[in-house]
Structure formats: C-alpha cells, structure tokens
Amino acid sequence: MNILHIGQNGVLPAEIDNALSALQRAVGGHIEVIHLTDKLAVICNEEGKLLGLPVTAALSNNNGKLTDMLCGDLVVCRTTPDGEFADIQPQDYPALRLYLTVLRHGTCYAAP
C-alpha cells in the first residue's frame, strides 16, 4: 500500500503491506485511526501522548481551528467505503494540507 509516512525524517512516500502488523510497525505500537475526510485517514500510535513521543503534527478542523496534536510517527492513507485502507493519491494532498500541519524540530512545514 502506498502511504505517506510522517516522522522525524519528514514527510516521505513509502510502501508498506496493507496489514495490521505493518501499520503497527510504522507507528511503533497499537494504531489509532483518525479520519480526516470520508476518504483520507491518518494513523498514529494510540498511546503516543502517554509515551511522551514527540509532537509530529497539529490536527485542525475544516475552519482551521486546532483540534489536537499528534505524537510519534504517522501514516496517511486512503480508506474505502467498506473501511479498508488503500493507497494515498496525489489528489489527496490538498485535504491533507487543510487538516494536518506537520511539525519538525519545533517548526512547521507543508506536507506535499
């Protein structure tokens, strides 16, 4: 599955198996799925804040209001109508920019 991996090395396209174990490896623990849109999801470590992982991204609503901070490595992918994960597409990037502000070493920079 083609994803965007967001972590300490920035925002990088990657390919991983579409399997729970691969997603858990990518985020370093149990996964939590946050739906950005009906087709786009960000997957994070569900205990990232409790474990004190570094803040990776700011999550906003469609009005630009900050709603949460995400910690640790993140995976961004599509979701299908039946709830399966799928390849991210270039046309997803504008929505990603709208809802997610990626932080790196305390500074903001744009996702692709």
N, C-alpha and C. Protein backbone atom coordinates (compact mmCIF):
# COMPACT_ATOMS: atom_id res chain seq x y z
N MET A 1 0.85 -1.17 0.00
CA MET A 1 0.00 0.00 0.00
C MET A 1 0.90 1.24 0.00
N ASN A 2 0.58 2.19 -0.85
CA ASN A 2 1.32 3.44 -0.90
C ASN A 2 0.77 4.41 0.13
N ILE A 3 1.68 4.94 0.95
CA ILE A 3 1.30 5.82 2.05
C ILE A 3 2.22 7.04 2.06
N LEU A 4 1.89 7.99 2.91
CA LEU A 4 2.85 9.00 3.33
C LEU A 4 3.21 8.66 4.77
N HIS A 5 4.51 8.59 5.04
CA HIS A 5 4.99 8.35 6.40
C HIS A 5 5.51 9.67 6.92
N ILE A 6 4.98 10.09 8.06
CA ILE A 6 5.37 11.36 8.67
C ILE A 6 6.07 11.04 9.98
N GLY A 7 7.31 11.50 10.09
CA GLY A 7 8.09 11.22 11.30
C GLY A 7 9.23 12.20 11.43
N GLN A 8 10.22 11.84 12.21
CA GLN A 8 11.35 12.73 12.47
C GLN A 8 12.16 13.03 11.21
N ASN A 9 12.04 12.21 10.18
CA ASN A 9 12.75 12.45 8.92
C ASN A 9 11.91 13.22 7.92
N GLY A 10 10.75 13.72 8.35
CA GLY A 10 9.89 14.50 7.47
C GLY A 10 8.75 13.69 6.90
N VAL A 11 8.23 14.17 5.79
CA VAL A 11 7.11 13.54 5.10
C VAL A 11 7.68 12.78 3.90
N LEU A 12 7.54 11.46 3.94
CA LEU A 12 8.13 10.64 2.89
C LEU A 12 7.12 9.65 2.32
N PRO A 13 7.06 9.53 0.99
CA PRO A 13 6.23 8.47 0.44
C PRO A 13 6.87 7.13 0.78
N ALA A 14 6.04 6.14 1.02
CA ALA A 14 6.55 4.80 1.36
C ALA A 14 5.54 3.77 0.89
N GLU A 15 5.99 2.55 0.87
CA GLU A 15 5.11 1.43 0.56
C GLU A 15 5.21 0.42 1.69
N ILE A 16 4.07 0.03 2.23
CA ILE A 16 4.02 -0.98 3.29
C ILE A 16 2.94 -1.99 2.96
N ASP A 17 2.99 -3.13 3.62
CA ASP A 17 1.92 -4.12 3.47
C ASP A 17 0.65 -3.56 4.08
N ASN A 18 -0.47 -3.87 3.46
CA ASN A 18 -1.76 -3.45 3.99
C ASN A 18 -2.20 -4.49 5.03
N ALA A 19 -1.52 -4.45 6.18
CA ALA A 19 -1.78 -5.42 7.26
C ALA A 19 -1.60 -4.70 8.59
N LEU A 20 -2.34 -5.14 9.58
CA LEU A 20 -2.26 -4.53 10.91
C LEU A 20 -0.84 -4.53 11.43
N SER A 21 -0.12 -5.62 11.29
CA SER A 21 1.23 -5.70 11.82
C SER A 21 2.15 -4.66 11.16
N ALA A 22 2.00 -4.42 9.87
CA ALA A 22 2.83 -3.43 9.18
C ALA A 22 2.49 -2.02 9.65
N LEU A 23 1.22 -1.74 9.86
CA LEU A 23 0.81 -0.42 10.37
C LEU A 23 1.33 -0.21 11.79
N GLN A 24 1.27 -1.25 12.61
CA GLN A 24 1.78 -1.15 13.98
C GLN A 24 3.29 -0.88 13.99
N ARG A 25 4.02 -1.54 13.11
CA ARG A 25 5.46 -1.27 12.99
C ARG A 25 5.71 0.17 12.55
N ALA A 26 4.91 0.65 11.62
CA ALA A 26 5.11 2.00 11.07
C ALA A 26 4.90 3.08 12.12
N VAL A 27 3.97 2.86 13.07
CA VAL A 27 3.70 3.88 14.10
C VAL A 27 4.29 3.50 15.46
N GLY A 28 4.89 2.33 15.57
CA GLY A 28 5.56 1.94 16.80
C GLY A 28 4.65 1.48 17.92
N GLY A 29 3.51 0.91 17.60
CA GLY A 29 2.62 0.41 18.64
C GLY A 29 1.21 0.20 18.12
N HIS A 30 0.25 0.12 19.05
CA HIS A 30 -1.16 -0.05 18.67
C HIS A 30 -1.62 1.16 17.88
N ILE A 31 -2.46 0.92 16.88
CA ILE A 31 -2.87 2.02 16.00
C ILE A 31 -4.16 2.67 16.46
N GLU A 32 -4.26 3.95 16.14
CA GLU A 32 -5.49 4.72 16.26
C GLU A 32 -5.71 5.36 14.91
N VAL A 33 -6.93 5.25 14.38
CA VAL A 33 -7.26 5.80 13.07
C VAL A 33 -8.06 7.08 13.26
N ILE A 34 -7.61 8.15 12.64
CA ILE A 34 -8.31 9.43 12.69
C ILE A 34 -8.71 9.77 11.26
N HIS A 35 -10.01 9.88 11.02
CA HIS A 35 -10.50 10.16 9.68
C HIS A 35 -10.46 11.67 9.44
N LEU A 36 -9.68 12.08 8.45
CA LEU A 36 -9.61 13.49 8.08
C LEU A 36 -10.77 13.86 7.18
N THR A 37 -11.11 12.97 6.26
CA THR A 37 -12.26 13.12 5.37
C THR A 37 -12.90 11.74 5.25
N ASP A 38 -13.92 11.63 4.41
CA ASP A 38 -14.53 10.32 4.21
C ASP A 38 -13.63 9.38 3.43
N LYS A 39 -12.53 9.91 2.83
CA LYS A 39 -11.62 9.07 2.05
C LYS A 39 -10.19 9.09 2.56
N LEU A 40 -9.88 9.91 3.54
CA LEU A 40 -8.49 10.11 3.95
C LEU A 40 -8.36 9.93 5.46
N ALA A 41 -7.34 9.15 5.87
CA ALA A 41 -7.14 8.87 7.30
C ALA A 41 -5.67 9.04 7.66
N VAL A 42 -5.46 9.42 8.91
CA VAL A 42 -4.11 9.43 9.48
C VAL A 42 -4.11 8.39 10.59
N ILE A 43 -3.07 7.58 10.62
CA ILE A 43 -2.94 6.51 11.61
C ILE A 43 -1.77 6.86 12.51
N CYS A 44 -2.01 6.81 13.82
CA CYS A 44 -0.96 7.15 14.78
C CYS A 44 -0.89 6.07 15.86
N ASN A 45 0.11 6.18 16.71
CA ASN A 45 0.24 5.30 17.87
C ASN A 45 -0.79 5.77 18.89
N GLU A 46 -1.70 4.89 19.28
CA GLU A 46 -2.78 5.31 20.18
C GLU A 46 -2.27 5.75 21.55
N GLU A 47 -1.07 5.37 21.92
CA GLU A 47 -0.51 5.77 23.20
C GLU A 47 0.63 6.78 23.04
N GLY A 48 0.72 7.41 21.87
CA GLY A 48 1.82 8.32 21.58
C GLY A 48 2.00 9.42 22.61
N LYS A 49 0.91 10.04 23.02
CA LYS A 49 0.99 11.11 24.03
C LYS A 49 1.40 10.55 25.39
N LEU A 50 0.81 9.42 25.77
CA LEU A 50 1.11 8.82 27.08
C LEU A 50 2.57 8.37 27.16
N LEU A 51 3.13 7.96 26.03
CA LEU A 51 4.52 7.51 25.99
C LEU A 51 5.50 8.66 25.87
N GLY A 52 4.98 9.87 25.71
CA GLY A 52 5.85 11.03 25.59
C GLY A 52 6.56 11.12 24.25
N LEU A 53 5.96 10.56 23.20
CA LEU A 53 6.56 10.66 21.88
C LEU A 53 6.53 12.11 21.41
N PRO A 54 7.46 12.51 20.56
CA PRO A 54 7.49 13.90 20.12
C PRO A 54 6.25 14.28 19.31
N VAL A 55 5.83 15.52 19.44
CA VAL A 55 4.70 16.02 18.66
C VAL A 55 5.13 16.06 17.20
N THR A 56 4.33 15.46 16.35
CA THR A 56 4.65 15.35 14.94
C THR A 56 3.80 16.27 14.08
N ALA A 57 2.51 16.44 14.45
CA ALA A 57 1.61 17.22 13.61
C ALA A 57 0.49 17.83 14.44
N ALA A 58 -0.02 18.94 13.94
CA ALA A 58 -1.20 19.59 14.50
C ALA A 58 -2.38 19.23 13.62
N LEU A 59 -3.48 18.84 14.23
CA LEU A 59 -4.69 18.46 13.52
C LEU A 59 -5.69 19.60 13.65
N SER A 60 -6.26 20.01 12.52
CA SER A 60 -7.22 21.12 12.51
C SER A 60 -8.53 20.66 11.88
N ASN A 61 -9.61 21.40 12.19
CA ASN A 61 -10.88 21.12 11.52
C ASN A 61 -10.93 21.92 10.21
N ASN A 62 -12.05 21.83 9.48
CA ASN A 62 -12.10 22.49 8.18
C ASN A 62 -12.19 24.01 8.27
N ASN A 63 -12.31 24.56 9.48
CA ASN A 63 -12.25 26.00 9.69
C ASN A 63 -10.87 26.46 10.11
N GLY A 64 -9.92 25.54 10.17
CA GLY A 64 -8.56 25.87 10.55
C GLY A 64 -8.32 25.92 12.05
N LYS A 65 -9.32 25.54 12.85
CA LYS A 65 -9.18 25.55 14.31
C LYS A 65 -8.42 24.31 14.77
N LEU A 66 -7.40 24.52 15.59
CA LEU A 66 -6.62 23.41 16.14
C LEU A 66 -7.52 22.51 16.98
N THR A 67 -7.49 21.22 16.69
CA THR A 67 -8.32 20.28 17.45
C THR A 67 -7.51 19.26 18.25
N ASP A 68 -6.27 18.99 17.82
CA ASP A 68 -5.46 18.00 18.53
C ASP A 68 -4.02 18.08 18.06
N MET A 69 -3.14 17.49 18.84
CA MET A 69 -1.74 17.33 18.46
C MET A 69 -1.48 15.83 18.36
N LEU A 70 -0.80 15.41 17.32
CA LEU A 70 -0.49 14.01 17.11
C LEU A 70 0.98 13.77 17.41
N CYS A 71 1.28 12.67 18.09
CA CYS A 71 2.64 12.39 18.55
C CYS A 71 3.16 11.10 17.94
N GLY A 72 4.46 11.09 17.65
CA GLY A 72 5.09 9.90 17.08
C GLY A 72 4.92 9.82 15.58
N ASP A 73 5.35 8.71 15.02
CA ASP A 73 5.25 8.50 13.58
C ASP A 73 3.80 8.35 13.16
N LEU A 74 3.50 8.87 11.95
CA LEU A 74 2.14 8.84 11.41
C LEU A 74 2.16 8.18 10.04
N VAL A 75 1.04 7.57 9.70
CA VAL A 75 0.81 7.01 8.37
C VAL A 75 -0.43 7.69 7.82
N VAL A 76 -0.35 8.18 6.58
CA VAL A 76 -1.52 8.77 5.93
C VAL A 76 -1.85 7.90 4.73
N CYS A 77 -3.13 7.51 4.64
CA CYS A 77 -3.59 6.68 3.54
C CYS A 77 -5.06 6.98 3.27
N ARG A 78 -5.57 6.36 2.24
CA ARG A 78 -7.00 6.45 1.93
C ARG A 78 -7.76 5.36 2.67
N THR A 79 -9.06 5.56 2.78
CA THR A 79 -9.94 4.50 3.25
C THR A 79 -11.03 4.28 2.21
N THR A 80 -11.48 3.06 2.10
CA THR A 80 -12.55 2.73 1.15
C THR A 80 -13.90 2.81 1.87
N PRO A 81 -15.00 2.82 1.11
CA PRO A 81 -16.32 2.87 1.75
C PRO A 81 -16.58 1.73 2.73
N ASP A 82 -15.91 0.58 2.53
CA ASP A 82 -16.12 -0.54 3.46
C ASP A 82 -15.10 -0.56 4.59
N GLY A 83 -14.31 0.54 4.74
CA GLY A 83 -13.42 0.67 5.89
C GLY A 83 -12.03 0.11 5.71
N GLU A 84 -11.69 -0.33 4.52
CA GLU A 84 -10.34 -0.85 4.27
C GLU A 84 -9.37 0.30 4.00
N PHE A 85 -8.10 0.07 4.27
CA PHE A 85 -7.08 1.06 3.94
C PHE A 85 -6.67 0.88 2.48
N ALA A 86 -6.30 2.01 1.84
CA ALA A 86 -5.93 1.96 0.42
C ALA A 86 -4.83 2.98 0.14
N ASP A 87 -4.26 2.89 -1.07
CA ASP A 87 -3.19 3.80 -1.49
C ASP A 87 -3.61 5.26 -1.42
N ILE A 88 -2.71 6.10 -0.92
CA ILE A 88 -2.94 7.54 -0.98
C ILE A 88 -2.74 7.97 -2.43
N GLN A 89 -3.46 9.01 -2.83
CA GLN A 89 -3.39 9.53 -4.20
C GLN A 89 -2.95 10.99 -4.18
N PRO A 90 -2.29 11.46 -5.23
CA PRO A 90 -1.88 12.87 -5.27
C PRO A 90 -3.04 13.85 -5.07
N GLN A 91 -4.22 13.50 -5.50
CA GLN A 91 -5.37 14.40 -5.31
C GLN A 91 -5.79 14.51 -3.84
N ASP A 92 -5.22 13.68 -2.97
CA ASP A 92 -5.50 13.77 -1.53
C ASP A 92 -4.67 14.85 -0.83
N TYR A 93 -3.60 15.30 -1.47
CA TYR A 93 -2.68 16.22 -0.80
C TYR A 93 -3.33 17.55 -0.38
N PRO A 94 -4.22 18.16 -1.17
CA PRO A 94 -4.85 19.41 -0.69
C PRO A 94 -5.63 19.22 0.62
N ALA A 95 -6.35 18.13 0.75
CA ALA A 95 -7.08 17.88 2.00
C ALA A 95 -6.11 17.65 3.14
N LEU A 96 -5.03 16.96 2.86
CA LEU A 96 -4.01 16.73 3.88
C LEU A 96 -3.46 18.05 4.39
N ARG A 97 -3.17 18.98 3.48
CA ARG A 97 -2.66 20.30 3.87
C ARG A 97 -3.69 21.08 4.69
N LEU A 98 -4.97 20.88 4.40
CA LEU A 98 -6.03 21.59 5.10
C LEU A 98 -6.15 21.13 6.56
N TYR A 99 -6.02 19.84 6.80
CA TYR A 99 -6.28 19.28 8.12
C TYR A 99 -5.05 18.99 8.96
N LEU A 100 -3.87 18.90 8.35
CA LEU A 100 -2.69 18.46 9.08
C LEU A 100 -1.53 19.43 8.84
N THR A 101 -0.99 19.96 9.92
CA THR A 101 0.22 20.78 9.85
C THR A 101 1.34 19.98 10.47
N VAL A 102 2.30 19.61 9.66
CA VAL A 102 3.39 18.76 10.10
C VAL A 102 4.44 19.61 10.80
N LEU A 103 4.91 19.13 11.95
CA LEU A 103 5.93 19.83 12.73
C LEU A 103 7.22 19.05 12.65
N ARG A 104 8.32 19.77 12.54
CA ARG A 104 9.61 19.09 12.53
C ARG A 104 10.58 19.92 13.34
N HIS A 105 11.05 19.34 14.42
CA HIS A 105 12.01 20.02 15.31
C HIS A 105 11.46 21.39 15.74
N GLY A 106 10.16 21.43 16.06
CA GLY A 106 9.57 22.64 16.58
C GLY A 106 9.17 23.66 15.53
N THR A 107 9.34 23.34 14.24
CA THR A 107 8.92 24.28 13.20
C THR A 107 7.90 23.62 12.30
N CYS A 108 7.09 24.43 11.64
CA CYS A 108 6.05 23.93 10.74
C CYS A 108 6.58 23.88 9.33
N TYR A 109 6.18 22.88 8.59
CA TYR A 109 6.46 22.87 7.16
C TYR A 109 5.33 22.13 6.47
N ALA A 110 5.15 22.42 5.21
CA ALA A 110 4.00 21.91 4.47
C ALA A 110 4.20 20.46 4.07
N ALA A 111 3.11 19.72 4.15
CA ALA A 111 3.08 18.37 3.59
C ALA A 111 3.09 18.52 2.08
N PRO A 112 3.34 17.45 1.34
CA PRO A 112 3.44 17.54 -0.13
C PRO A 112 2.22 18.18 -0.76
